[in-house]
Amino acid sequence: MTMANRHVEVFTTGCPGCAPVVELVEDMAGPGCEVVVRDLRSDANAADRAAEYGLARIPAVVVDGELAECCRSGQGPTREGLTAAGVGRCG
């Protein structure tokens, strides 16, 4: 049985706190994760996508179309929060 791929989007602006989040997601993601980094400075669609998700803070991580709880709560992306969102379980 094959697990479906997870689609993980990391929204960034190149801020000092953004690079560690991108590294954390890439470190945690297994082979079944498709990780897309959306830089609001250079990705023309990133701002529209961020608005669709209602992002209020950057960096933010969206897993399979849903903003990770750690990002909704205002604490920002954490290893524990990303694990709870399914980033570490990418088959």
PDB file of N, CA and C in Angstrom:
ATOM      1  N   MET A   1       0.850  -1.183   0.000  1.00  0.00           N
ATOM      2  CA  MET A   1       0.000   0.000   0.000  1.00  0.00           C
ATOM      3  C   MET A   1       0.892   1.242   0.000  1.00  0.00           C
ATOM      4  N   THR A   2       0.631   2.146  -0.914  1.00  0.00           N
ATOM      5  CA  THR A   2       1.433   3.352  -1.041  1.00  0.00           C
ATOM      6  C   THR A   2       0.728   4.526  -0.375  1.00  0.00           C
ATOM      7  N   MET A   3       1.475   5.264   0.435  1.00  0.00           N
ATOM      8  CA  MET A   3       0.899   6.466   1.047  1.00  0.00           C
ATOM      9  C   MET A   3       0.835   7.583   0.018  1.00  0.00           C
ATOM     10  N   ALA A   4      -0.208   8.358   0.100  1.00  0.00           N
ATOM     11  CA  ALA A   4      -0.320   9.507  -0.789  1.00  0.00           C
ATOM     12  C   ALA A   4       0.719  10.544  -0.389  1.00  0.00           C
ATOM     13  N   ASN A   5       1.205  11.243  -1.372  1.00  0.00           N
ATOM     14  CA  ASN A   5       2.164  12.305  -1.093  1.00  0.00           C
ATOM     15  C   ASN A   5       1.496  13.441  -0.343  1.00  0.00           C
ATOM     16  N   ARG A   6       2.247  14.057   0.533  1.00  0.00           N
ATOM     17  CA  ARG A   6       1.783  15.277   1.212  1.00  0.00           C
ATOM     18  C   ARG A   6       2.360  16.460   0.455  1.00  0.00           C
ATOM     19  N   HIS A   7       1.554  17.497   0.352  1.00  0.00           N
ATOM     20  CA  HIS A   7       1.989  18.729  -0.300  1.00  0.00           C
ATOM     21  C   HIS A   7       2.230  19.753   0.811  1.00  0.00           C
ATOM     22  N   VAL A   8       3.483  20.177   0.958  1.00  0.00           N
ATOM     23  CA  VAL A   8       3.863  21.110   2.019  1.00  0.00           C
ATOM     24  C   VAL A   8       4.347  22.400   1.383  1.00  0.00           C
ATOM     25  N   GLU A   9       3.715  23.507   1.775  1.00  0.00           N
ATOM     26  CA  GLU A   9       4.121  24.823   1.277  1.00  0.00           C
ATOM     27  C   GLU A   9       4.712  25.610   2.440  1.00  0.00           C
ATOM     28  N   VAL A  10       5.888  26.182   2.209  1.00  0.00           N
ATOM     29  CA  VAL A  10       6.540  27.018   3.207  1.00  0.00           C
ATOM     30  C   VAL A  10       6.540  28.439   2.659  1.00  0.00           C
ATOM     31  N   PHE A  11       5.882  29.344   3.360  1.00  0.00           N
ATOM     32  CA  PHE A  11       5.811  30.742   2.935  1.00  0.00           C
ATOM     33  C   PHE A  11       6.896  31.527   3.647  1.00  0.00           C
ATOM     34  N   THR A  12       7.651  32.296   2.876  1.00  0.00           N
ATOM     35  CA  THR A  12       8.811  33.012   3.399  1.00  0.00           C
ATOM     36  C   THR A  12       8.922  34.394   2.749  1.00  0.00           C
ATOM     37  N   THR A  13       9.666  35.260   3.424  1.00  0.00           N
ATOM     38  CA  THR A  13       9.999  36.569   2.853  1.00  0.00           C
ATOM     39  C   THR A  13      11.504  36.785   2.886  1.00  0.00           C
ATOM     40  N   GLY A  14      12.244  35.732   3.206  1.00  0.00           N
ATOM     41  CA  GLY A  14      13.691  35.873   3.333  1.00  0.00           C
ATOM     42  C   GLY A  14      14.105  36.463   4.664  1.00  0.00           C
ATOM     43  N   CYS A  15      13.183  36.505   5.610  1.00  0.00           N
ATOM     44  CA  CYS A  15      13.476  37.070   6.928  1.00  0.00           C
ATOM     45  C   CYS A  15      14.468  36.173   7.676  1.00  0.00           C
ATOM     46  N   PRO A  16      15.126  36.709   8.715  1.00  0.00           N
ATOM     47  CA  PRO A  16      16.094  35.904   9.458  1.00  0.00           C
ATOM     48  C   PRO A  16      15.491  34.628  10.055  1.00  0.00           C
ATOM     49  N   GLY A  17      14.213  34.643  10.391  1.00  0.00           N
ATOM     50  CA  GLY A  17      13.570  33.456  10.951  1.00  0.00           C
ATOM     51  C   GLY A  17      13.035  32.503   9.904  1.00  0.00           C
ATOM     52  N   CYS A  18      13.070  32.894   8.643  1.00  0.00           N
ATOM     53  CA  CYS A  18      12.498  32.060   7.580  1.00  0.00           C
ATOM     54  C   CYS A  18      13.405  30.905   7.170  1.00  0.00           C
ATOM     55  N   ALA A  19      14.688  31.168   7.005  1.00  0.00           N
ATOM     56  CA  ALA A  19      15.616  30.128   6.536  1.00  0.00           C
ATOM     57  C   ALA A  19      15.633  28.919   7.464  1.00  0.00           C
ATOM     58  N   PRO A  20      15.670  29.104   8.799  1.00  0.00           N
ATOM     59  CA  PRO A  20      15.644  27.931   9.669  1.00  0.00           C
ATOM     60  C   PRO A  20      14.357  27.106   9.530  1.00  0.00           C
ATOM     61  N   VAL A  21      13.239  27.755   9.242  1.00  0.00           N
ATOM     62  CA  VAL A  21      11.976  27.036   9.065  1.00  0.00           C
ATOM     63  C   VAL A  21      12.023  26.210   7.786  1.00  0.00           C
ATOM     64  N   VAL A  22      12.544  26.794   6.710  1.00  0.00           N
ATOM     65  CA  VAL A  22      12.691  26.050   5.450  1.00  0.00           C
ATOM     66  C   VAL A  22      13.591  24.836   5.684  1.00  0.00           C
ATOM     67  N   GLU A  23      14.708  25.033   6.374  1.00  0.00           N
ATOM     68  CA  GLU A  23      15.627  23.932   6.665  1.00  0.00           C
ATOM     69  C   GLU A  23      14.953  22.860   7.519  1.00  0.00           C
ATOM     70  N   LEU A  24      14.175  23.270   8.517  1.00  0.00           N
ATOM     71  CA  LEU A  24      13.482  22.332   9.396  1.00  0.00           C
ATOM     72  C   LEU A  24      12.500  21.482   8.594  1.00  0.00           C
ATOM     73  N   VAL A  25      11.698  22.119   7.758  1.00  0.00           N
ATOM     74  CA  VAL A  25      10.719  21.381   6.952  1.00  0.00           C
ATOM     75  C   VAL A  25      11.432  20.410   6.017  1.00  0.00           C
ATOM     76  N   GLU A  26      12.473  20.876   5.356  1.00  0.00           N
ATOM     77  CA  GLU A  26      13.204  20.004   4.428  1.00  0.00           C
ATOM     78  C   GLU A  26      13.867  18.843   5.171  1.00  0.00           C
ATOM     79  N   ASP A  27      14.340  19.094   6.390  1.00  0.00           N
ATOM     80  CA  ASP A  27      14.955  18.051   7.200  1.00  0.00           C
ATOM     81  C   ASP A  27      13.928  17.006   7.633  1.00  0.00           C
ATOM     82  N   MET A  28      12.727  17.458   7.990  1.00  0.00           N
ATOM     83  CA  MET A  28      11.681  16.571   8.491  1.00  0.00           C
ATOM     84  C   MET A  28      10.971  15.807   7.376  1.00  0.00           C
ATOM     85  N   ALA A  29      10.902  16.402   6.206  1.00  0.00           N
ATOM     86  CA  ALA A  29      10.114  15.826   5.111  1.00  0.00           C
ATOM     87  C   ALA A  29      10.721  14.513   4.644  1.00  0.00           C
ATOM     88  N   GLY A  30       9.880  13.531   4.504  1.00  0.00           N
ATOM     89  CA  GLY A  30      10.319  12.254   3.958  1.00  0.00           C
ATOM     90  C   GLY A  30      10.161  12.257   2.450  1.00  0.00           C
ATOM     91  N   PRO A  31      10.443  11.123   1.820  1.00  0.00           N
ATOM     92  CA  PRO A  31      10.358  11.035   0.362  1.00  0.00           C
ATOM     93  C   PRO A  31       8.942  11.222  -0.172  1.00  0.00           C
ATOM     94  N   GLY A  32       7.944  11.085   0.693  1.00  0.00           N
ATOM     95  CA  GLY A  32       6.567  11.259   0.253  1.00  0.00           C
ATOM     96  C   GLY A  32       6.057  12.680   0.400  1.00  0.00           C
ATOM     97  N   CYS A  33       6.926  13.599   0.762  1.00  0.00           N
ATOM     98  CA  CYS A  33       6.536  15.008   0.889  1.00  0.00           C
ATOM     99  C   CYS A  33       7.011  15.785  -0.331  1.00  0.00           C
ATOM    100  N   GLU A  34       6.118  16.554  -0.878  1.00  0.00           N
ATOM    101  CA  GLU A  34       6.493  17.517  -1.911  1.00  0.00           C
ATOM    102  C   GLU A  34       6.570  18.866  -1.207  1.00  0.00           C
ATOM    103  N   VAL A  35       7.773  19.408  -1.077  1.00  0.00           N
ATOM    104  CA  VAL A  35       7.970  20.675  -0.377  1.00  0.00           C
ATOM    105  C   VAL A  35       8.142  21.784  -1.409  1.00  0.00           C
ATOM    106  N   VAL A  36       7.317  22.815  -1.283  1.00  0.00           N
ATOM    107  CA  VAL A  36       7.389  23.972  -2.165  1.00  0.00           C
ATOM    108  C   VAL A  36       7.632  25.202  -1.296  1.00  0.00           C
ATOM    109  N   VAL A  37       8.700  25.924  -1.583  1.00  0.00           N
ATOM    110  CA  VAL A  37       8.987  27.166  -0.862  1.00  0.00           C
ATOM    111  C   VAL A  37       8.408  28.306  -1.680  1.00  0.00           C
ATOM    112  N   ARG A  38       7.534  29.082  -1.047  1.00  0.00           N
ATOM    113  CA  ARG A  38       6.881  30.207  -1.717  1.00  0.00           C
ATOM    114  C   ARG A  38       7.420  31.507  -1.117  1.00  0.00           C
ATOM    115  N   ASP A  39       8.324  32.138  -1.837  1.00  0.00           N
ATOM    116  CA  ASP A  39       8.943  33.376  -1.381  1.00  0.00           C
ATOM    117  C   ASP A  39       8.101  34.549  -1.880  1.00  0.00           C
ATOM    118  N   LEU A  40       7.531  35.289  -0.960  1.00  0.00           N
ATOM    119  CA  LEU A  40       6.659  36.400  -1.324  1.00  0.00           C
ATOM    120  C   LEU A  40       7.394  37.503  -2.078  1.00  0.00           C
ATOM    121  N   ARG A  41       8.721  37.512  -2.015  1.00  0.00           N
ATOM    122  CA  ARG A  41       9.480  38.539  -2.734  1.00  0.00           C
ATOM    123  C   ARG A  41       9.634  38.198  -4.212  1.00  0.00           C
ATOM    124  N   SER A  42       9.660  36.908  -4.552  1.00  0.00           N
ATOM    125  CA  SER A  42       9.978  36.541  -5.932  1.00  0.00           C
ATOM    126  C   SER A  42       8.932  35.664  -6.620  1.00  0.00           C
ATOM    127  N   ASP A  43       8.001  35.088  -5.872  1.00  0.00           N
ATOM    128  CA  ASP A  43       6.972  34.219  -6.439  1.00  0.00           C
ATOM    129  C   ASP A  43       5.708  35.046  -6.648  1.00  0.00           C
ATOM    130  N   ALA A  44       5.358  35.278  -7.901  1.00  0.00           N
ATOM    131  CA  ALA A  44       4.217  36.135  -8.224  1.00  0.00           C
ATOM    132  C   ALA A  44       2.906  35.601  -7.651  1.00  0.00           C
ATOM    133  N   ASN A  45       2.797  34.302  -7.470  1.00  0.00           N
ATOM    134  CA  ASN A  45       1.562  33.710  -6.957  1.00  0.00           C
ATOM    135  C   ASN A  45       1.549  33.556  -5.444  1.00  0.00           C
ATOM    136  N   ALA A  46       2.690  33.770  -4.800  1.00  0.00           N
ATOM    137  CA  ALA A  46       2.793  33.515  -3.359  1.00  0.00           C
ATOM    138  C   ALA A  46       1.845  34.388  -2.543  1.00  0.00           C
ATOM    139  N   ALA A  47       1.720  35.657  -2.878  1.00  0.00           N
ATOM    140  CA  ALA A  47       0.845  36.544  -2.106  1.00  0.00           C
ATOM    141  C   ALA A  47      -0.608  36.120  -2.236  1.00  0.00           C
ATOM    142  N   ASP A  48      -1.009  35.708  -3.435  1.00  0.00           N
ATOM    143  CA  ASP A  48      -2.385  35.236  -3.633  1.00  0.00           C
ATOM    144  C   ASP A  48      -2.639  33.970  -2.821  1.00  0.00           C
ATOM    145  N   ARG A  49      -1.680  33.043  -2.855  1.00  0.00           N
ATOM    146  CA  ARG A  49      -1.821  31.799  -2.096  1.00  0.00           C
ATOM    147  C   ARG A  49      -1.874  32.099  -0.595  1.00  0.00           C
ATOM    148  N   ALA A  50      -1.022  33.002  -0.137  1.00  0.00           N
ATOM    149  CA  ALA A  50      -1.005  33.369   1.283  1.00  0.00           C
ATOM    150  C   ALA A  50      -2.353  33.955   1.696  1.00  0.00           C
ATOM    151  N   ALA A  51      -2.931  34.788   0.833  1.00  0.00           N
ATOM    152  CA  ALA A  51      -4.239  35.373   1.124  1.00  0.00           C
ATOM    153  C   ALA A  51      -5.323  34.300   1.152  1.00  0.00           C
ATOM    154  N   GLU A  52      -5.256  33.333   0.244  1.00  0.00           N
ATOM    155  CA  GLU A  52      -6.231  32.242   0.225  1.00  0.00           C
ATOM    156  C   GLU A  52      -6.229  31.478   1.548  1.00  0.00           C
ATOM    157  N   TYR A  53      -5.048  31.299   2.111  1.00  0.00           N
ATOM    158  CA  TYR A  53      -4.924  30.577   3.374  1.00  0.00           C
ATOM    159  C   TYR A  53      -5.146  31.474   4.584  1.00  0.00           C
ATOM    160  N   GLY A  54      -5.271  32.773   4.374  1.00  0.00           N
ATOM    161  CA  GLY A  54      -5.474  33.705   5.472  1.00  0.00           C
ATOM    162  C   GLY A  54      -4.243  33.882   6.345  1.00  0.00           C
ATOM    163  N   LEU A  55      -3.066  33.787   5.743  1.00  0.00           N
ATOM    164  CA  LEU A  55      -1.838  33.904   6.521  1.00  0.00           C
ATOM    165  C   LEU A  55      -1.672  35.314   7.069  1.00  0.00           C
ATOM    166  N   ALA A  56      -1.401  35.396   8.353  1.00  0.00           N
ATOM    167  CA  ALA A  56      -1.188  36.684   8.999  1.00  0.00           C
ATOM    168  C   ALA A  56       0.275  36.885   9.360  1.00  0.00           C
ATOM    169  N   ARG A  57       1.030  35.779   9.429  1.00  0.00           N
ATOM    170  CA  ARG A  57       2.440  35.843   9.817  1.00  0.00           C
ATOM    171  C   ARG A  57       3.266  34.967   8.900  1.00  0.00           C
ATOM    172  N   ILE A  58       4.488  35.399   8.691  1.00  0.00           N
ATOM    173  CA  ILE A  58       5.454  34.656   7.887  1.00  0.00           C
ATOM    174  C   ILE A  58       6.678  34.466   8.771  1.00  0.00           C
ATOM    175  N   PRO A  59       7.346  33.346   8.799  1.00  0.00           N
ATOM    176  CA  PRO A  59       7.116  32.165   7.984  1.00  0.00           C
ATOM    177  C   PRO A  59       5.881  31.381   8.429  1.00  0.00           C
ATOM    178  N   ALA A  60       5.309  30.664   7.482  1.00  0.00           N
ATOM    179  CA  ALA A  60       4.137  29.842   7.751  1.00  0.00           C
ATOM    180  C   ALA A  60       4.239  28.574   6.915  1.00  0.00           C
ATOM    181  N   VAL A  61       3.638  27.503   7.432  1.00  0.00           N
ATOM    182  CA  VAL A  61       3.674  26.216   6.749  1.00  0.00           C
ATOM    183  C   VAL A  61       2.249  25.716   6.560  1.00  0.00           C
ATOM    184  N   VAL A  62       1.953  25.317   5.323  1.00  0.00           N
ATOM    185  CA  VAL A  62       0.651  24.773   4.964  1.00  0.00           C
ATOM    186  C   VAL A  62       0.873  23.334   4.519  1.00  0.00           C
ATOM    187  N   VAL A  63       0.111  22.407   5.108  1.00  0.00           N
ATOM    188  CA  VAL A  63       0.227  20.985   4.774  1.00  0.00           C
ATOM    189  C   VAL A  63      -1.092  20.519   4.170  1.00  0.00           C
ATOM    190  N   ASP A  64      -1.016  20.021   2.949  1.00  0.00           N
ATOM    191  CA  ASP A  64      -2.199  19.532   2.244  1.00  0.00           C
ATOM    192  C   ASP A  64      -3.343  20.552   2.281  1.00  0.00           C
ATOM    193  N   GLY A  65      -2.994  21.814   2.065  1.00  0.00           N
ATOM    194  CA  GLY A  65      -4.002  22.870   1.964  1.00  0.00           C
ATOM    195  C   GLY A  65      -4.490  23.436   3.277  1.00  0.00           C
ATOM    196  N   GLU A  66      -3.901  23.010   4.393  1.00  0.00           N
ATOM    197  CA  GLU A  66      -4.334  23.499   5.697  1.00  0.00           C
ATOM    198  C   GLU A  66      -3.161  24.086   6.466  1.00  0.00           C
ATOM    199  N   LEU A  67      -3.360  25.293   6.964  1.00  0.00           N
ATOM    200  CA  LEU A  67      -2.331  25.962   7.757  1.00  0.00           C
ATOM    201  C   LEU A  67      -2.059  25.148   9.016  1.00  0.00           C
ATOM    202  N   ALA A  68      -0.789  24.845   9.263  1.00  0.00           N
ATOM    203  CA  ALA A  68      -0.411  24.080  10.458  1.00  0.00           C
ATOM    204  C   ALA A  68      -0.876  24.812  11.704  1.00  0.00           C
ATOM    205  N   GLU A  69      -1.369  24.050  12.677  1.00  0.00           N
ATOM    206  CA  GLU A  69      -1.892  24.634  13.914  1.00  0.00           C
ATOM    207  C   GLU A  69      -0.866  25.535  14.592  1.00  0.00           C
ATOM    208  N   CYS A  70       0.411  25.151  14.550  1.00  0.00           N
ATOM    209  CA  CYS A  70       1.442  25.971  15.198  1.00  0.00           C
ATOM    210  C   CYS A  70       1.529  27.352  14.538  1.00  0.00           C
ATOM    211  N   CYS A  71       1.148  27.441  13.276  1.00  0.00           N
ATOM    212  CA  CYS A  71       1.164  28.730  12.585  1.00  0.00           C
ATOM    213  C   CYS A  71      -0.125  29.514  12.855  1.00  0.00           C
ATOM    214  N   ARG A  72      -1.231  28.805  13.045  1.00  0.00           N
ATOM    215  CA  ARG A  72      -2.508  29.464  13.361  1.00  0.00           C
ATOM    216  C   ARG A  72      -2.470  30.078  14.744  1.00  0.00           C
ATOM    217  N   SER A  73      -1.792  29.418  15.675  1.00  0.00           N
ATOM    218  CA  SER A  73      -1.804  29.859  17.071  1.00  0.00           C
ATOM    219  C   SER A  73      -0.915  31.074  17.305  1.00  0.00           C
ATOM    220  N   GLY A  74      -0.080  31.414  16.324  1.00  0.00           N
ATOM    221  CA  GLY A  74       0.790  32.574  16.466  1.00  0.00           C
ATOM    222  C   GLY A  74       2.172  32.242  17.007  1.00  0.00           C
ATOM    223  N   GLN A  75       2.391  30.979  17.414  1.00  0.00           N
ATOM    224  CA  GLN A  75       3.712  30.632  17.947  1.00  0.00           C
ATOM    225  C   GLN A  75       4.732  30.444  16.834  1.00  0.00           C
ATOM    226  N   GLY A  76       4.279  30.203  15.638  1.00  0.00           N
ATOM    227  CA  GLY A  76       5.191  29.970  14.528  1.00  0.00           C
ATOM    228  C   GLY A  76       5.535  28.500  14.400  1.00  0.00           C
ATOM    229  N   PRO A  77       6.143  28.136  13.280  1.00  0.00           N
ATOM    230  CA  PRO A  77       6.450  26.732  13.017  1.00  0.00           C
ATOM    231  C   PRO A  77       7.450  26.160  14.009  1.00  0.00           C
ATOM    232  N   THR A  78       7.112  24.998  14.575  1.00  0.00           N
ATOM    233  CA  THR A  78       7.998  24.267  15.469  1.00  0.00           C
ATOM    234  C   THR A  78       8.069  22.817  15.005  1.00  0.00           C
ATOM    235  N   ARG A  79       9.093  22.112  15.405  1.00  0.00           N
ATOM    236  CA  ARG A  79       9.211  20.694  15.049  1.00  0.00           C
ATOM    237  C   ARG A  79       7.979  19.920  15.523  1.00  0.00           C
ATOM    238  N   GLU A  80       7.555  20.183  16.757  1.00  0.00           N
ATOM    239  CA  GLU A  80       6.401  19.478  17.309  1.00  0.00           C
ATOM    240  C   GLU A  80       5.133  19.820  16.536  1.00  0.00           C
ATOM    241  N   GLY A  81       4.956  21.092  16.224  1.00  0.00           N
ATOM    242  CA  GLY A  81       3.774  21.519  15.484  1.00  0.00           C
ATOM    243  C   GLY A  81       3.736  20.965  14.080  1.00  0.00           C
ATOM    244  N   LEU A  82       4.898  20.910  13.440  1.00  0.00           N
ATOM    245  CA  LEU A  82       4.961  20.362  12.082  1.00  0.00           C
ATOM    246  C   LEU A  82       4.739  18.865  12.080  1.00  0.00           C
ATOM    247  N   THR A  83       5.217  18.180  13.117  1.00  0.00           N
ATOM    248  CA  THR A  83       4.963  16.743  13.245  1.00  0.00           C
ATOM    249  C   THR A  83       3.469  16.498  13.397  1.00  0.00           C
ATOM    250  N   ALA A  84       2.818  17.303  14.231  1.00  0.00           N
ATOM    251  CA  ALA A  84       1.378  17.166  14.437  1.00  0.00           C
ATOM    252  C   ALA A  84       0.608  17.414  13.122  1.00  0.00           C
ATOM    253  N   ALA A  85       1.148  18.289  12.271  1.00  0.00           N
ATOM    254  CA  ALA A  85       0.502  18.594  10.988  1.00  0.00           C
ATOM    255  C   ALA A  85       0.782  17.527   9.937  1.00  0.00           C
ATOM    256  N   GLY A  86       1.680  16.594  10.254  1.00  0.00           N
ATOM    257  CA  GLY A  86       1.953  15.489   9.345  1.00  0.00           C
ATOM    258  C   GLY A  86       3.208  15.601   8.520  1.00  0.00           C
ATOM    259  N   VAL A  87       4.032  16.617   8.763  1.00  0.00           N
ATOM    260  CA  VAL A  87       5.241  16.781   7.943  1.00  0.00           C
ATOM    261  C   VAL A  87       6.206  15.632   8.153  1.00  0.00           C
ATOM    262  N   GLY A  88       6.349  15.119   9.347  1.00  0.00           N
ATOM    263  CA  GLY A  88       7.278  14.029   9.600  1.00  0.00           C
ATOM    264  C   GLY A  88       6.776  12.661   9.172  1.00  0.00           C
ATOM    265  N   ARG A  89       5.527  12.608   8.684  1.00  0.00           N
ATOM    266  CA  ARG A  89       4.948  11.320   8.298  1.00  0.00           C
ATOM    267  C   ARG A  89       4.670  11.289   6.795  1.00  0.00           C
ATOM    268  N   CYS A  90       5.681  11.594   6.037  1.00  0.00           N
ATOM    269  CA  CYS A  90       5.544  11.631   4.575  1.00  0.00           C
ATOM    270  C   CYS A  90       6.104  10.358   3.963  1.00  0.00           C
ATOM    271  N   GLY A  91       5.570   9.251   4.358  1.00  0.00           N
ATOM    272  CA  GLY A  91       5.899   7.930   3.856  1.00  0.00           C
ATOM    273  C   GLY A  91       7.091   7.695   3.096  1.00  0.00           C
TER     274      GLY A  91
END
